[in-house]
Amino acid sequence: MTRKQETPQSPVERRIEDSLTDRGGFRQPLSRRTRQTKRSVEAYLAAGVMPRYMERLREIEPGIATERRRLERAYRVLRDACGHDRGLFSQRWRTRAHAWRFDRLNQLIREHNEWYPLEARLPMDPRTGDYVRIRGRSYRRAELGPHWVLEQFPP
């Protein structure tokens, strides 16, 4: 039986083979994803930072939930205070809905609507000239106001 004689590797071939091997002690080949991932300082820094649109959404969602709980509490208190007088409750609730302030949340929502497509790198739809929909919905969020309060808690 003749053995195939192995040709010695050149220094370049050894270097290439070595660069495709994990040096973590296992000497296993690196995955295709690891080999093809672009390595740069920018990519490294971006990987450790949550994008601003995610931070903003993490402020908007709990803010809306908090306002909804506050409104629900105010709704119950006013309903109990008015008793069976539905007309009085309706009038007072509408007045309270128009007086409720959402300035901070609405500012975040405006920033989201303005910057989200750029920060999330949404592609444009050439037919509409607008950014593509996400799961069939627009990325835009409606600002909160009296209409939202009365929709959530009708008088």
N, C-alpha and C. Protein backbone atom coordinates (compact mmCIF):
# COMPACT_ATOMS: atom_id res chain seq x y z
N MET A 1 0.83 -1.15 0.00
CA MET A 1 0.00 0.00 0.00
C MET A 1 0.89 1.23 0.00
N THR A 2 0.62 2.11 -0.91
CA THR A 2 1.44 3.31 -0.99
C THR A 2 0.73 4.44 -0.29
N ARG A 3 1.52 5.12 0.47
CA ARG A 3 0.96 6.28 1.17
C ARG A 3 1.13 7.50 0.30
N LYS A 4 0.10 8.33 0.35
CA LYS A 4 0.20 9.59 -0.37
C LYS A 4 1.15 10.48 0.41
N GLN A 5 2.14 10.94 -0.26
CA GLN A 5 3.13 11.76 0.41
C GLN A 5 2.55 13.17 0.58
N GLU A 6 2.54 13.63 1.84
CA GLU A 6 2.01 14.96 2.10
C GLU A 6 3.05 15.99 1.73
N THR A 7 2.59 16.99 1.01
CA THR A 7 3.51 18.07 0.65
C THR A 7 3.54 19.06 1.78
N PRO A 8 4.69 19.53 2.13
CA PRO A 8 4.76 20.50 3.22
C PRO A 8 4.05 21.79 2.84
N GLN A 9 3.39 22.38 3.85
CA GLN A 9 2.67 23.62 3.61
C GLN A 9 3.65 24.79 3.62
N SER A 10 3.31 25.74 2.79
CA SER A 10 4.12 26.96 2.79
C SER A 10 3.72 27.79 4.01
N PRO A 11 4.54 28.75 4.41
CA PRO A 11 4.18 29.62 5.54
C PRO A 11 2.85 30.33 5.34
N VAL A 12 2.54 30.72 4.13
CA VAL A 12 1.27 31.40 3.84
C VAL A 12 0.11 30.45 4.06
N GLU A 13 0.22 29.23 3.58
CA GLU A 13 -0.85 28.25 3.76
C GLU A 13 -1.07 27.93 5.24
N ARG A 14 0.03 27.81 5.98
CA ARG A 14 -0.11 27.57 7.42
C ARG A 14 -0.80 28.74 8.11
N ARG A 15 -0.47 29.96 7.71
CA ARG A 15 -1.07 31.16 8.31
C ARG A 15 -2.56 31.21 8.02
N ILE A 16 -2.95 30.90 6.79
CA ILE A 16 -4.38 30.92 6.42
C ILE A 16 -5.13 29.84 7.19
N GLU A 17 -4.58 28.66 7.25
CA GLU A 17 -5.24 27.57 7.98
C GLU A 17 -5.37 27.92 9.45
N ASP A 18 -4.33 28.51 10.01
CA ASP A 18 -4.34 28.89 11.42
C ASP A 18 -5.36 29.98 11.69
N SER A 19 -5.57 30.90 10.75
CA SER A 19 -6.52 32.00 10.96
C SER A 19 -7.96 31.51 10.93
N LEU A 20 -8.19 30.33 10.35
CA LEU A 20 -9.54 29.78 10.30
C LEU A 20 -9.84 28.86 11.47
N THR A 21 -8.94 28.79 12.43
CA THR A 21 -9.09 27.90 13.57
C THR A 21 -9.24 28.71 14.85
N ASP A 22 -10.16 28.27 15.70
CA ASP A 22 -10.38 28.92 16.98
C ASP A 22 -9.21 28.64 17.91
N ARG A 23 -8.71 29.65 18.56
CA ARG A 23 -7.59 29.47 19.47
C ARG A 23 -8.06 29.33 20.92
N GLY A 24 -9.33 29.03 21.12
CA GLY A 24 -9.87 28.92 22.47
C GLY A 24 -9.52 27.61 23.14
N GLY A 25 -8.62 26.85 22.61
CA GLY A 25 -8.20 25.60 23.23
C GLY A 25 -8.78 24.39 22.53
N PHE A 26 -9.80 24.58 21.70
CA PHE A 26 -10.45 23.44 21.07
C PHE A 26 -9.92 23.16 19.67
N ARG A 27 -9.29 24.13 19.05
CA ARG A 27 -8.74 24.01 17.70
C ARG A 27 -9.80 23.54 16.71
N GLN A 28 -11.00 24.12 16.83
CA GLN A 28 -12.07 23.80 15.90
C GLN A 28 -12.14 24.90 14.85
N PRO A 29 -12.61 24.56 13.66
CA PRO A 29 -12.76 25.60 12.63
C PRO A 29 -13.79 26.64 13.08
N LEU A 30 -13.54 27.89 12.71
CA LEU A 30 -14.48 28.95 13.01
C LEU A 30 -15.72 28.80 12.13
N SER A 31 -16.85 29.24 12.62
CA SER A 31 -18.08 29.14 11.83
C SER A 31 -18.02 30.09 10.65
N ARG A 32 -18.84 29.81 9.67
CA ARG A 32 -18.88 30.67 8.48
C ARG A 32 -19.28 32.09 8.86
N ARG A 33 -20.24 32.22 9.78
CA ARG A 33 -20.69 33.55 10.20
C ARG A 33 -19.54 34.34 10.83
N THR A 34 -18.77 33.67 11.67
CA THR A 34 -17.65 34.34 12.32
C THR A 34 -16.61 34.77 11.29
N ARG A 35 -16.37 33.91 10.32
CA ARG A 35 -15.37 34.24 9.30
C ARG A 35 -15.82 35.38 8.40
N GLN A 36 -17.12 35.50 8.16
CA GLN A 36 -17.61 36.49 7.21
C GLN A 36 -18.06 37.80 7.85
N THR A 37 -18.12 37.86 9.17
CA THR A 37 -18.54 39.08 9.85
C THR A 37 -17.48 40.15 9.70
N LYS A 38 -17.92 41.32 9.31
CA LYS A 38 -17.00 42.43 9.15
C LYS A 38 -16.55 42.89 10.53
N ARG A 39 -15.26 42.99 10.69
CA ARG A 39 -14.71 43.44 11.97
C ARG A 39 -14.18 44.85 11.80
N SER A 40 -14.75 45.75 12.58
CA SER A 40 -14.28 47.13 12.56
C SER A 40 -14.56 47.74 13.93
N VAL A 41 -13.92 48.82 14.19
CA VAL A 41 -14.14 49.52 15.46
C VAL A 41 -15.58 49.99 15.55
N GLU A 42 -16.11 50.50 14.43
CA GLU A 42 -17.49 50.99 14.41
C GLU A 42 -18.48 49.88 14.73
N ALA A 43 -18.27 48.70 14.12
CA ALA A 43 -19.17 47.57 14.37
C ALA A 43 -19.08 47.13 15.82
N TYR A 44 -17.87 47.12 16.36
CA TYR A 44 -17.67 46.73 17.76
C TYR A 44 -18.40 47.68 18.69
N LEU A 45 -18.27 48.98 18.46
CA LEU A 45 -18.93 49.97 19.31
C LEU A 45 -20.44 49.92 19.16
N ALA A 46 -20.91 49.74 17.94
CA ALA A 46 -22.35 49.68 17.70
C ALA A 46 -22.98 48.46 18.35
N ALA A 47 -22.22 47.38 18.46
CA ALA A 47 -22.76 46.15 19.03
C ALA A 47 -23.06 46.29 20.52
N GLY A 48 -22.37 47.17 21.20
CA GLY A 48 -22.57 47.30 22.64
C GLY A 48 -23.57 48.35 23.04
N VAL A 49 -24.16 49.06 22.09
CA VAL A 49 -25.05 50.17 22.40
C VAL A 49 -26.44 49.88 21.82
N MET A 50 -27.45 50.06 22.66
CA MET A 50 -28.82 49.89 22.18
C MET A 50 -29.18 51.08 21.30
N PRO A 51 -29.74 50.83 20.12
CA PRO A 51 -30.11 51.95 19.25
C PRO A 51 -31.10 52.88 19.94
N ARG A 52 -31.03 54.16 19.60
CA ARG A 52 -31.87 55.17 20.25
C ARG A 52 -33.35 54.88 20.07
N TYR A 53 -33.75 54.35 18.90
CA TYR A 53 -35.18 54.10 18.71
C TYR A 53 -35.67 53.03 19.69
N MET A 54 -34.82 52.08 20.06
CA MET A 54 -35.23 51.08 21.04
C MET A 54 -35.35 51.70 22.43
N GLU A 55 -34.40 52.55 22.77
CA GLU A 55 -34.47 53.24 24.05
C GLU A 55 -35.75 54.08 24.14
N ARG A 56 -36.04 54.77 23.04
CA ARG A 56 -37.24 55.63 23.02
C ARG A 56 -38.50 54.78 23.18
N LEU A 57 -38.57 53.65 22.46
CA LEU A 57 -39.75 52.79 22.59
C LEU A 57 -39.87 52.21 24.00
N ARG A 58 -38.73 51.99 24.65
CA ARG A 58 -38.74 51.49 26.02
C ARG A 58 -39.20 52.57 27.00
N GLU A 59 -39.21 53.81 26.58
CA GLU A 59 -39.77 54.89 27.40
C GLU A 59 -41.24 55.11 27.06
N ILE A 60 -41.60 54.97 25.79
CA ILE A 60 -42.97 55.24 25.35
C ILE A 60 -43.93 54.19 25.88
N GLU A 61 -43.62 52.92 25.70
CA GLU A 61 -44.57 51.85 26.09
C GLU A 61 -44.91 51.88 27.58
N PRO A 62 -43.92 51.91 28.48
CA PRO A 62 -44.28 51.99 29.90
C PRO A 62 -44.98 53.31 30.25
N GLY A 63 -44.62 54.39 29.55
CA GLY A 63 -45.27 55.68 29.80
C GLY A 63 -46.76 55.62 29.48
N ILE A 64 -47.09 54.99 28.37
CA ILE A 64 -48.50 54.84 27.99
C ILE A 64 -49.22 53.96 29.01
N ALA A 65 -48.58 52.88 29.44
CA ALA A 65 -49.20 51.99 30.43
C ALA A 65 -49.43 52.72 31.75
N THR A 66 -48.48 53.55 32.15
CA THR A 66 -48.63 54.32 33.39
C THR A 66 -49.79 55.30 33.28
N GLU A 67 -49.87 56.01 32.16
CA GLU A 67 -50.97 56.96 31.97
C GLU A 67 -52.31 56.24 31.94
N ARG A 68 -52.35 55.07 31.33
CA ARG A 68 -53.60 54.31 31.28
C ARG A 68 -54.04 53.92 32.70
N ARG A 69 -53.09 53.49 33.55
CA ARG A 69 -53.44 53.15 34.93
C ARG A 69 -53.92 54.37 35.70
N ARG A 70 -53.25 55.51 35.52
CA ARG A 70 -53.67 56.74 36.20
C ARG A 70 -55.07 57.16 35.76
N LEU A 71 -55.33 57.04 34.45
CA LEU A 71 -56.65 57.40 33.94
C LEU A 71 -57.72 56.45 34.47
N GLU A 72 -57.39 55.18 34.53
CA GLU A 72 -58.36 54.21 35.03
C GLU A 72 -58.74 54.51 36.49
N ARG A 73 -57.72 54.86 37.27
CA ARG A 73 -57.96 55.21 38.67
C ARG A 73 -58.84 56.47 38.76
N ALA A 74 -58.51 57.50 38.00
CA ALA A 74 -59.30 58.74 38.00
C ALA A 74 -60.72 58.49 37.51
N TYR A 75 -60.88 57.61 36.53
CA TYR A 75 -62.19 57.26 35.98
C TYR A 75 -63.06 56.63 37.07
N ARG A 76 -62.49 55.66 37.80
CA ARG A 76 -63.25 54.99 38.86
C ARG A 76 -63.63 55.95 39.98
N VAL A 77 -62.68 56.79 40.39
CA VAL A 77 -62.95 57.74 41.47
C VAL A 77 -64.07 58.69 41.07
N LEU A 78 -64.00 59.23 39.85
CA LEU A 78 -65.02 60.17 39.39
C LEU A 78 -66.37 59.48 39.22
N ARG A 79 -66.37 58.24 38.72
CA ARG A 79 -67.62 57.49 38.56
C ARG A 79 -68.27 57.24 39.90
N ASP A 80 -67.45 56.89 40.90
CA ASP A 80 -67.99 56.66 42.24
C ASP A 80 -68.51 57.96 42.86
N ALA A 81 -67.81 59.07 42.58
CA ALA A 81 -68.22 60.37 43.15
C ALA A 81 -69.53 60.85 42.54
N CYS A 82 -69.76 60.54 41.26
CA CYS A 82 -70.98 61.02 40.59
C CYS A 82 -72.17 60.10 40.83
N GLY A 83 -71.90 58.91 41.31
CA GLY A 83 -73.01 57.99 41.61
C GLY A 83 -73.74 57.58 40.34
N HIS A 84 -75.09 57.73 40.40
CA HIS A 84 -75.92 57.31 39.27
C HIS A 84 -76.17 58.41 38.26
N ASP A 85 -75.66 59.59 38.46
CA ASP A 85 -75.88 60.72 37.55
C ASP A 85 -74.91 60.61 36.37
N ARG A 86 -75.37 59.95 35.31
CA ARG A 86 -74.52 59.70 34.15
C ARG A 86 -74.18 60.97 33.39
N GLY A 87 -75.10 61.89 33.34
CA GLY A 87 -74.86 63.15 32.64
C GLY A 87 -73.75 63.96 33.31
N LEU A 88 -73.80 64.04 34.63
CA LEU A 88 -72.77 64.76 35.38
C LEU A 88 -71.41 64.09 35.19
N PHE A 89 -71.40 62.73 35.27
CA PHE A 89 -70.14 62.01 35.08
C PHE A 89 -69.57 62.27 33.69
N SER A 90 -70.42 62.20 32.68
CA SER A 90 -69.97 62.41 31.30
C SER A 90 -69.36 63.80 31.13
N GLN A 91 -70.03 64.81 31.66
CA GLN A 91 -69.55 66.18 31.54
C GLN A 91 -68.20 66.36 32.25
N ARG A 92 -68.12 65.87 33.49
CA ARG A 92 -66.88 66.00 34.25
C ARG A 92 -65.73 65.19 33.64
N TRP A 93 -66.06 63.98 33.14
CA TRP A 93 -65.02 63.15 32.54
C TRP A 93 -64.46 63.79 31.27
N ARG A 94 -65.32 64.35 30.45
CA ARG A 94 -64.84 65.04 29.24
C ARG A 94 -63.95 66.23 29.61
N THR A 95 -64.34 66.97 30.64
CA THR A 95 -63.52 68.10 31.09
C THR A 95 -62.16 67.61 31.57
N ARG A 96 -62.17 66.53 32.34
CA ARG A 96 -60.90 65.98 32.82
C ARG A 96 -60.05 65.45 31.67
N ALA A 97 -60.67 64.80 30.69
CA ALA A 97 -59.93 64.27 29.54
C ALA A 97 -59.25 65.39 28.77
N HIS A 98 -59.92 66.53 28.63
CA HIS A 98 -59.32 67.66 27.90
C HIS A 98 -58.23 68.35 28.72
N ALA A 99 -58.25 68.18 30.03
CA ALA A 99 -57.25 68.82 30.88
C ALA A 99 -56.01 67.93 31.11
N TRP A 100 -56.13 66.64 30.79
CA TRP A 100 -55.03 65.70 31.04
C TRP A 100 -53.86 66.02 30.12
N ARG A 101 -52.65 66.05 30.66
CA ARG A 101 -51.45 66.43 29.89
C ARG A 101 -50.59 65.21 29.55
N PHE A 102 -50.14 65.16 28.30
CA PHE A 102 -49.26 64.09 27.83
C PHE A 102 -48.03 64.69 27.15
N ASP A 103 -47.57 65.83 27.61
CA ASP A 103 -46.50 66.56 26.91
C ASP A 103 -45.23 65.73 26.73
N ARG A 104 -44.74 65.13 27.79
CA ARG A 104 -43.48 64.38 27.71
C ARG A 104 -43.62 63.18 26.77
N LEU A 105 -44.72 62.43 26.91
CA LEU A 105 -44.94 61.27 26.06
C LEU A 105 -45.12 61.68 24.60
N ASN A 106 -45.87 62.74 24.38
CA ASN A 106 -46.09 63.19 23.00
C ASN A 106 -44.78 63.66 22.35
N GLN A 107 -43.89 64.24 23.13
CA GLN A 107 -42.59 64.64 22.59
C GLN A 107 -41.80 63.40 22.15
N LEU A 108 -41.82 62.36 22.97
CA LEU A 108 -41.14 61.11 22.60
C LEU A 108 -41.77 60.50 21.35
N ILE A 109 -43.09 60.54 21.26
CA ILE A 109 -43.79 59.98 20.10
C ILE A 109 -43.44 60.76 18.85
N ARG A 110 -43.38 62.10 18.95
CA ARG A 110 -42.99 62.92 17.79
C ARG A 110 -41.57 62.58 17.35
N GLU A 111 -40.65 62.43 18.32
CA GLU A 111 -39.28 62.05 17.98
C GLU A 111 -39.25 60.68 17.31
N HIS A 112 -40.04 59.75 17.84
CA HIS A 112 -40.10 58.41 17.24
C HIS A 112 -40.57 58.49 15.79
N ASN A 113 -41.66 59.21 15.57
CA ASN A 113 -42.22 59.30 14.21
C ASN A 113 -41.24 59.96 13.24
N GLU A 114 -40.45 60.90 13.74
CA GLU A 114 -39.51 61.60 12.88
C GLU A 114 -38.25 60.78 12.60
N TRP A 115 -37.70 60.13 13.62
CA TRP A 115 -36.39 59.52 13.50
C TRP A 115 -36.37 58.01 13.30
N TYR A 116 -37.45 57.31 13.65
CA TYR A 116 -37.43 55.86 13.58
C TYR A 116 -37.02 55.31 12.22
N PRO A 117 -37.58 55.81 11.11
CA PRO A 117 -37.20 55.21 9.82
C PRO A 117 -35.71 55.30 9.52
N LEU A 118 -35.10 56.39 9.93
CA LEU A 118 -33.66 56.55 9.68
C LEU A 118 -32.84 55.69 10.62
N GLU A 119 -33.21 55.70 11.90
CA GLU A 119 -32.45 54.94 12.88
C GLU A 119 -32.57 53.43 12.66
N ALA A 120 -33.73 52.98 12.22
CA ALA A 120 -33.95 51.55 11.98
C ALA A 120 -33.60 51.16 10.55
N ARG A 121 -33.21 52.14 9.76
CA ARG A 121 -32.83 51.93 8.36
C ARG A 121 -33.94 51.22 7.57
N LEU A 122 -35.16 51.75 7.71
CA LEU A 122 -36.28 51.19 6.97
C LEU A 122 -36.11 51.48 5.49
N PRO A 123 -36.38 50.51 4.65
CA PRO A 123 -36.32 50.77 3.21
C PRO A 123 -37.55 51.55 2.74
N MET A 124 -37.39 52.22 1.63
CA MET A 124 -38.50 52.98 1.03
C MET A 124 -39.31 52.07 0.11
N ASP A 125 -40.60 52.31 0.07
CA ASP A 125 -41.48 51.62 -0.89
C ASP A 125 -41.57 52.53 -2.11
N PRO A 126 -41.04 52.12 -3.25
CA PRO A 126 -41.03 53.01 -4.42
C PRO A 126 -42.44 53.35 -4.93
N ARG A 127 -43.40 52.47 -4.70
CA ARG A 127 -44.76 52.75 -5.18
C ARG A 127 -45.42 53.87 -4.40
N THR A 128 -45.23 53.89 -3.07
CA THR A 128 -45.90 54.89 -2.24
C THR A 128 -45.01 56.08 -1.92
N GLY A 129 -43.70 55.90 -2.03
CA GLY A 129 -42.78 56.97 -1.67
C GLY A 129 -42.64 57.12 -0.16
N ASP A 130 -43.17 56.15 0.58
CA ASP A 130 -43.07 56.17 2.04
C ASP A 130 -42.25 54.96 2.47
N TYR A 131 -41.93 54.91 3.74
CA TYR A 131 -41.18 53.78 4.26
C TYR A 131 -42.08 52.55 4.32
N VAL A 132 -41.47 51.38 4.23
CA VAL A 132 -42.25 50.14 4.23
C VAL A 132 -42.95 49.96 5.57
N ARG A 133 -44.02 49.20 5.52
CA ARG A 133 -44.78 48.91 6.74
C ARG A 133 -44.09 47.79 7.50
N ILE A 134 -44.26 47.79 8.80
CA ILE A 134 -43.69 46.76 9.66
C ILE A 134 -44.82 45.85 10.10
N ARG A 135 -44.77 44.60 9.66
CA ARG A 135 -45.83 43.63 9.94
C ARG A 135 -47.19 44.17 9.53
N GLY A 136 -47.23 44.87 8.41
CA GLY A 136 -48.48 45.39 7.88
C GLY A 136 -48.96 46.68 8.53
N ARG A 137 -48.20 47.21 9.49
CA ARG A 137 -48.61 48.44 10.18
C ARG A 137 -47.59 49.53 9.93
N SER A 138 -48.05 50.75 10.02
CA SER A 138 -47.15 51.89 9.92
C SER A 138 -46.32 51.99 11.19
N TYR A 139 -45.12 52.49 11.05
CA TYR A 139 -44.25 52.68 12.21
C TYR A 139 -44.71 53.88 13.04
N ARG A 140 -45.52 54.75 12.45
CA ARG A 140 -45.94 55.97 13.14
C ARG A 140 -46.88 55.66 14.29
N ARG A 141 -46.75 56.42 15.34
CA ARG A 141 -47.62 56.28 16.51
C ARG A 141 -48.44 57.55 16.66
N ALA A 142 -49.67 57.39 17.07
CA ALA A 142 -50.55 58.54 17.27
C ALA A 142 -50.22 59.21 18.60
N GLU A 143 -50.25 60.53 18.60
CA GLU A 143 -50.04 61.26 19.84
C GLU A 143 -51.25 61.07 20.75
N LEU A 144 -51.02 61.20 22.03
CA LEU A 144 -52.07 61.04 23.02
C LEU A 144 -52.73 62.38 23.29
N GLY A 145 -54.03 62.33 23.52
CA GLY A 145 -54.78 63.55 23.81
C GLY A 145 -56.18 63.18 24.27
N PRO A 146 -57.08 64.16 24.31
CA PRO A 146 -58.44 63.89 24.78
C PRO A 146 -59.14 62.78 23.98
N HIS A 147 -58.92 62.75 22.66
CA HIS A 147 -59.54 61.71 21.84
C HIS A 147 -59.09 60.33 22.29
N TRP A 148 -57.81 60.18 22.63
CA TRP A 148 -57.28 58.89 23.08
C TRP A 148 -57.89 58.52 24.44
N VAL A 149 -57.99 59.50 25.35
CA VAL A 149 -58.56 59.25 26.68
C VAL A 149 -60.00 58.78 26.54
N LEU A 150 -60.78 59.48 25.72
CA LEU A 150 -62.19 59.14 25.58
C LEU A 150 -62.39 57.83 24.83
N GLU A 151 -61.42 57.48 23.99
CA GLU A 151 -61.48 56.18 23.31
C GLU A 151 -61.19 55.04 24.29
N GLN A 152 -60.22 55.25 25.18
CA GLN A 152 -59.86 54.23 26.15
C GLN A 152 -60.91 54.09 27.26
N PHE A 153 -61.44 55.22 27.69
CA PHE A 153 -62.42 55.26 28.79
C PHE A 153 -63.60 56.13 28.37
N PRO A 154 -64.56 55.56 27.68
CA PRO A 154 -65.70 56.36 27.21
C PRO A 154 -66.55 56.87 28.36
N PRO A 155 -67.10 58.08 28.23
CA PRO A 155 -67.90 58.65 29.33
C PRO A 155 -69.25 57.96 29.50
